[in-house]
Amino acid sequence: MPTAEVNGAAIAYTDTGAPAGSPDAPAVVFGHGLLFSGWMFHPQIEVLRERYRCVTVDWRGQGDTPATPSGYDMDTLTADAVALIGHLGLGPVHWVGLSMGGFVGQRIAARHGDLLRSLTLLDTSADGEPSDKAAEYRLLARVYRFTGVGPVLGKVKTAMFGPGFLADPASKPVIDEWVRRLRRCERAGIRQAVLGVIEREPCHAELSRISLPTLVAVGADDLATPPADAERIAAAVEGARLEVVPGAGHSSTLEQPAALTALIGDFLASVDVRR
């Protein structure tokens, strides 16, 4: 994967380039959730790349971006994303962020709205991590740091995926690929990424500054950032559209790929018509 040297980090990204015959097509930048990489959007990119330049970013210590000594807080990751958009000369872009990518997307939209055409927030929250979940995730991160993913995989899977997806034998190849990719990452970097998420500052007070077309979607079975979190975001962003996706947990792009592709594609098209 190519990398961009920004803010003292080598940020890995993918870039489909402009679609054939559409050199000025808008760009869509995808920010992934914790314990994943840009790979989690591959079903959507396979379709959307026909109309858009699709770019994914891997956060520090995850995917193909190497671990760094520091910089896992949401403000630094926001600065990384802003710098990558500038490095690639992309703006203004459509931002699609899931969970951690949504934490970043909200901050970009509130602080650097001129860089965005629209904002899509999937399975995310504008609040800090609840104390009970933070304590559990902190323990899991410590165990993972010393033992790897094996001993904590059961707990982690139930947070990342909905019960219907986990119970379906057809989901096994996706889960196996996720685990394979996770095991490639440096354990110390993953632990730091987990801590960056659970220690994040809330950004709900900033949502009133977002004036972009905004789609907020959440899996009906999301346990990590439940539908109530999405409702709070949608209520705080003027004109935001809220969608609840049946049969999906926290990783909706992989659990209900066709539904999410259609939802995102229709939303982006509606925004571009308005422009």
Protein backbone atom coordinates (compact mmCIF):
# COMPACT_ATOMS: atom_id res chain seq x y z
CA MET A 1 0.00 0.00 0.00
CA PRO A 2 1.17 3.56 -0.61
CA THR A 3 1.89 5.72 2.44
CA ALA A 4 1.82 9.44 3.11
CA GLU A 5 4.30 10.93 5.55
CA VAL A 6 2.15 13.26 7.63
CA ASN A 7 2.50 14.51 11.19
CA GLY A 8 5.46 12.23 11.85
CA ALA A 9 3.59 9.07 10.80
CA ALA A 10 3.55 6.91 7.68
CA ILE A 11 -0.18 6.74 7.01
CA ALA A 12 -1.17 3.87 4.71
CA TYR A 13 -4.01 4.42 2.28
CA THR A 14 -5.61 2.97 -0.83
CA ASP A 15 -6.73 5.04 -3.80
CA THR A 16 -8.78 3.75 -6.73
CA GLY A 17 -8.11 6.89 -8.73
CA ALA A 18 -10.78 8.63 -10.76
CA PRO A 19 -13.23 6.42 -12.65
CA ALA A 20 -12.55 5.93 -16.34
CA GLY A 21 -13.87 8.89 -18.30
CA SER A 22 -14.58 10.96 -15.16
CA PRO A 23 -11.32 12.67 -14.18
CA ASP A 24 -13.18 15.22 -12.03
CA ALA A 25 -15.31 12.70 -10.15
CA PRO A 26 -15.73 13.52 -6.44
CA ALA A 27 -13.64 11.60 -3.93
CA VAL A 28 -15.03 9.50 -1.09
CA VAL A 29 -12.70 8.97 1.87
CA PHE A 30 -13.42 6.03 4.16
CA GLY A 31 -12.32 5.91 7.82
CA HIS A 32 -12.51 2.47 9.43
CA GLY A 33 -13.52 1.25 12.86
CA LEU A 34 -11.32 -0.01 15.69
CA LEU A 35 -9.54 -3.35 15.04
CA PHE A 36 -10.16 -3.08 11.31
CA SER A 37 -8.65 -1.27 8.32
CA GLY A 38 -9.88 0.24 5.08
CA TRP A 39 -10.59 -3.36 4.05
CA MET A 40 -13.91 -3.22 5.89
CA PHE A 41 -15.29 -1.02 3.09
CA HIS A 42 -14.29 -3.26 0.20
CA PRO A 43 -17.90 -4.25 -0.69
CA GLN A 44 -18.89 -0.59 -0.98
CA ILE A 45 -15.78 0.47 -2.90
CA GLU A 46 -16.26 -2.31 -5.44
CA VAL A 47 -19.50 -0.57 -6.49
CA LEU A 48 -18.84 3.09 -5.74
CA ARG A 49 -15.53 3.22 -7.59
CA GLU A 50 -17.48 3.29 -10.83
CA ARG A 51 -18.69 6.81 -9.95
CA TYR A 52 -16.19 8.09 -7.38
CA ARG A 53 -12.53 8.18 -6.55
CA CYS A 54 -12.45 5.99 -3.44
CA VAL A 55 -9.74 6.42 -0.81
CA THR A 56 -9.31 4.50 2.45
CA VAL A 57 -7.07 5.46 5.36
CA ASP A 58 -5.60 3.09 7.96
CA TRP A 59 -5.30 4.65 11.42
CA ARG A 60 -2.06 4.51 13.37
CA GLY A 61 -1.13 0.99 14.44
CA GLN A 62 -3.91 -0.63 12.43
CA GLY A 63 -4.11 -2.15 8.97
CA ASP A 64 -0.92 -1.28 7.09
CA THR A 65 -0.09 1.87 9.04
CA PRO A 66 2.80 1.15 11.43
CA ALA A 67 2.52 1.78 15.13
CA THR A 68 3.81 5.13 16.37
CA PRO A 69 5.04 6.04 19.87
CA SER A 70 2.05 8.34 20.37
CA GLY A 71 -0.74 10.13 18.51
CA TYR A 72 -3.66 7.73 18.92
CA ASP A 73 -6.05 10.33 20.33
CA MET A 74 -8.93 11.44 18.12
CA ASP A 75 -7.59 14.97 17.62
CA THR A 76 -4.30 13.66 16.22
CA LEU A 77 -6.10 11.18 13.98
CA THR A 78 -8.27 14.03 12.75
CA ALA A 79 -5.11 15.98 11.91
CA ASP A 80 -3.77 12.90 10.09
CA ALA A 81 -6.94 12.66 7.99
CA VAL A 82 -6.93 16.37 7.16
CA ALA A 83 -3.27 16.15 6.15
CA LEU A 84 -3.91 13.10 3.95
CA ILE A 85 -6.75 14.89 2.14
CA GLY A 86 -4.37 17.77 1.49
CA HIS A 87 -1.49 15.46 0.52
CA LEU A 88 -3.65 13.80 -2.15
CA GLY A 89 -5.26 17.07 -3.26
CA LEU A 90 -8.73 15.63 -2.73
CA GLY A 91 -10.93 18.24 -1.07
CA PRO A 92 -13.78 18.72 -0.81
CA VAL A 93 -14.61 15.04 -0.26
CA HIS A 94 -17.45 12.86 0.90
CA TRP A 95 -16.43 11.38 4.28
CA VAL A 96 -17.68 7.93 5.27
CA GLY A 97 -16.61 6.93 8.77
CA LEU A 98 -17.53 3.86 10.82
CA SER A 99 -17.12 3.93 14.60
CA MET A 100 -13.57 5.29 15.04
CA GLY A 101 -13.80 6.73 11.54
CA GLY A 102 -16.99 8.44 12.64
CA PHE A 103 -15.29 9.95 15.69
CA VAL A 104 -12.82 11.51 13.26
CA GLY A 105 -15.44 12.45 10.70
CA GLN A 106 -17.46 14.45 13.21
CA ARG A 107 -14.38 16.42 14.20
CA ILE A 108 -13.43 17.15 10.58
CA ALA A 109 -16.96 18.29 9.78
CA ALA A 110 -17.16 20.56 12.82
CA ARG A 111 -13.66 22.04 12.50
CA HIS A 112 -12.78 21.79 8.80
CA GLY A 113 -16.16 21.76 7.08
CA ASP A 114 -14.72 23.28 3.91
CA LEU A 115 -12.89 20.00 3.26
CA LEU A 116 -16.11 17.98 3.04
CA ARG A 117 -19.02 17.66 0.62
CA SER A 118 -20.99 15.40 2.94
CA LEU A 119 -20.69 13.35 6.10
CA THR A 120 -21.74 9.71 6.54
CA LEU A 121 -21.51 8.37 10.08
CA LEU A 122 -21.91 4.63 10.60
CA ASP A 123 -22.16 2.82 13.94
CA THR A 124 -20.55 5.63 15.90
CA SER A 125 -21.02 8.01 18.82
CA ALA A 126 -20.40 11.64 19.75
CA ASP A 127 -19.99 10.75 23.42
CA GLY A 128 -17.12 9.41 25.49
CA GLU A 129 -16.86 5.68 26.20
CA PRO A 130 -19.21 4.59 29.01
CA SER A 131 -17.20 3.76 32.12
CA ASP A 132 -18.30 0.12 32.30
CA LYS A 133 -17.34 -0.55 28.69
CA ALA A 134 -14.08 1.39 29.07
CA ALA A 135 -13.02 -0.80 31.99
CA GLU A 136 -13.80 -3.99 30.07
CA TYR A 137 -12.03 -2.83 26.90
CA ARG A 138 -9.00 -1.67 28.90
CA LEU A 139 -8.67 -5.17 30.38
CA LEU A 140 -9.09 -6.78 26.97
CA ALA A 141 -6.41 -4.47 25.53
CA ARG A 142 -3.98 -5.47 28.29
CA VAL A 143 -4.60 -9.18 27.74
CA TYR A 144 -4.29 -8.75 23.98
CA ARG A 145 -0.98 -6.94 24.37
CA PHE A 146 0.62 -9.96 26.03
CA THR A 147 -1.25 -12.94 24.55
CA GLY A 148 -2.54 -11.87 21.15
CA VAL A 149 -6.12 -12.02 19.96
CA GLY A 150 -6.79 -15.71 20.68
CA PRO A 151 -7.86 -15.56 24.35
CA VAL A 152 -10.07 -12.49 23.85
CA LEU A 153 -11.50 -13.31 20.43
CA GLY A 154 -14.88 -14.44 21.71
CA LYS A 155 -15.47 -11.21 23.62
CA VAL A 156 -14.20 -9.05 20.81
CA LYS A 157 -16.35 -10.76 18.17
CA THR A 158 -19.55 -10.12 20.11
CA ALA A 159 -18.67 -6.42 20.30
CA MET A 160 -17.72 -6.13 16.63
CA PHE A 161 -20.52 -8.18 15.02
CA GLY A 162 -24.22 -8.77 15.58
CA PRO A 163 -25.59 -12.11 16.81
CA GLY A 164 -27.27 -12.95 13.51
CA PHE A 165 -24.06 -12.46 11.56
CA LEU A 166 -22.04 -14.51 14.04
CA ALA A 167 -24.56 -17.37 13.96
CA ASP A 168 -24.57 -17.58 10.15
CA PRO A 169 -22.04 -20.15 8.80
CA ALA A 170 -21.76 -18.03 5.64
CA SER A 171 -20.07 -15.31 7.71
CA LYS A 172 -17.05 -17.46 8.56
CA PRO A 173 -14.84 -16.36 5.62
CA VAL A 174 -15.33 -12.68 6.52
CA ILE A 175 -14.59 -13.28 10.20
CA ASP A 176 -11.55 -15.43 9.39
CA GLU A 177 -10.17 -12.72 7.07
CA TRP A 178 -10.73 -10.07 9.76
CA VAL A 179 -8.83 -12.18 12.31
CA ARG A 180 -6.03 -12.85 9.83
CA ARG A 181 -5.58 -9.16 9.15
CA LEU A 182 -5.77 -8.27 12.84
CA ARG A 183 -3.03 -10.77 13.68
CA ARG A 184 -0.69 -9.03 11.21
CA CYS A 185 -0.75 -5.85 13.29
CA GLU A 186 1.75 -5.05 16.02
CA ARG A 187 0.14 -5.80 19.39
CA ALA A 188 1.46 -2.64 21.04
CA GLY A 189 -0.08 -0.51 18.30
CA ILE A 190 -3.47 -2.20 18.63
CA ARG A 191 -3.42 -1.69 22.39
CA GLN A 192 -2.67 2.01 21.90
CA ALA A 193 -5.49 2.29 19.36
CA VAL A 194 -7.93 0.70 21.81
CA LEU A 195 -6.84 3.12 24.52
CA GLY A 196 -7.23 6.04 22.13
CA VAL A 197 -10.86 5.04 21.57
CA ILE A 198 -11.85 4.36 25.16
CA GLU A 199 -10.15 7.51 26.45
CA ARG A 200 -11.57 9.79 23.75
CA GLU A 201 -13.13 13.10 24.65
CA PRO A 202 -16.80 13.59 23.71
CA CYS A 203 -17.50 15.88 20.78
CA HIS A 204 -21.28 16.23 21.10
CA ALA A 205 -20.96 19.94 21.89
CA GLU A 206 -19.34 20.48 18.47
CA LEU A 207 -22.14 18.92 16.41
CA SER A 208 -24.11 22.15 16.15
CA ARG A 209 -21.27 23.50 13.99
CA ILE A 210 -21.84 20.86 11.31
CA SER A 211 -23.73 22.32 8.35
CA LEU A 212 -23.14 19.57 5.78
CA PRO A 213 -25.56 17.00 4.38
CA THR A 214 -25.27 14.22 6.95
CA LEU A 215 -26.34 10.58 6.99
CA VAL A 216 -26.30 8.75 10.32
CA ALA A 217 -26.77 4.97 10.14
CA VAL A 218 -26.50 2.26 12.76
CA GLY A 219 -26.99 -1.48 12.93
CA ALA A 220 -30.12 -2.43 14.83
CA ASP A 221 -28.03 -4.96 16.80
CA ASP A 222 -25.01 -2.70 17.45
CA LEU A 223 -23.90 -3.23 21.06
CA ALA A 224 -20.73 -1.10 20.96
CA THR A 225 -22.45 2.12 19.79
CA PRO A 226 -26.18 1.34 20.01
CA PRO A 227 -28.96 3.08 18.09
CA ALA A 228 -29.49 5.56 20.92
CA ASP A 229 -26.02 6.99 20.19
CA ALA A 230 -26.94 7.49 16.54
CA GLU A 231 -30.22 9.14 17.54
CA ARG A 232 -28.32 11.66 19.70
CA ILE A 233 -26.05 12.57 16.78
CA ALA A 234 -28.89 12.91 14.30
CA ALA A 235 -30.85 15.11 16.71
CA ALA A 236 -27.87 17.44 17.14
CA VAL A 237 -26.92 17.88 13.46
CA GLU A 238 -29.42 20.05 11.62
CA GLY A 239 -31.11 18.19 8.78
CA ALA A 240 -29.33 14.88 9.48
CA ARG A 241 -30.95 11.73 8.12
CA LEU A 242 -31.12 8.73 10.47
CA GLU A 243 -31.29 5.10 9.30
CA VAL A 244 -31.36 1.90 11.37
CA VAL A 245 -30.06 -1.15 9.47
CA PRO A 246 -31.81 -4.43 10.32
CA GLY A 247 -29.66 -7.51 10.83
CA ALA A 248 -26.43 -5.59 11.45
CA GLY A 249 -24.24 -5.10 14.48
CA HIS A 250 -21.27 -2.78 14.88
CA SER A 251 -19.61 -3.66 11.55
CA SER A 252 -22.54 -2.95 9.26
CA THR A 253 -20.51 -2.55 6.07
CA LEU A 254 -19.47 -6.20 6.31
CA GLU A 255 -22.60 -7.62 7.90
CA GLN A 256 -25.12 -6.06 5.48
CA PRO A 257 -22.88 -4.99 2.59
CA ALA A 258 -25.55 -4.67 -0.09
CA ALA A 259 -27.84 -2.59 2.14
CA LEU A 260 -25.01 -0.27 3.19
CA THR A 261 -23.75 0.11 -0.37
CA ALA A 262 -27.20 1.12 -1.56
CA LEU A 263 -27.76 3.45 1.40
CA ILE A 264 -24.42 5.23 0.98
CA GLY A 265 -24.64 5.34 -2.81
CA ASP A 266 -28.12 6.86 -2.81
CA PHE A 267 -27.13 9.44 -0.21
CA LEU A 268 -23.99 10.52 -2.07
CA ALA A 269 -25.92 10.80 -5.32
CA SER A 270 -28.54 13.01 -3.65
CA VAL A 271 -25.82 15.31 -2.34
CA ASP A 272 -24.08 15.60 -5.71
CA VAL A 273 -27.38 16.44 -7.45
CA ARG A 274 -27.85 19.32 -5.01
CA ARG A 275 -24.37 20.64 -5.76
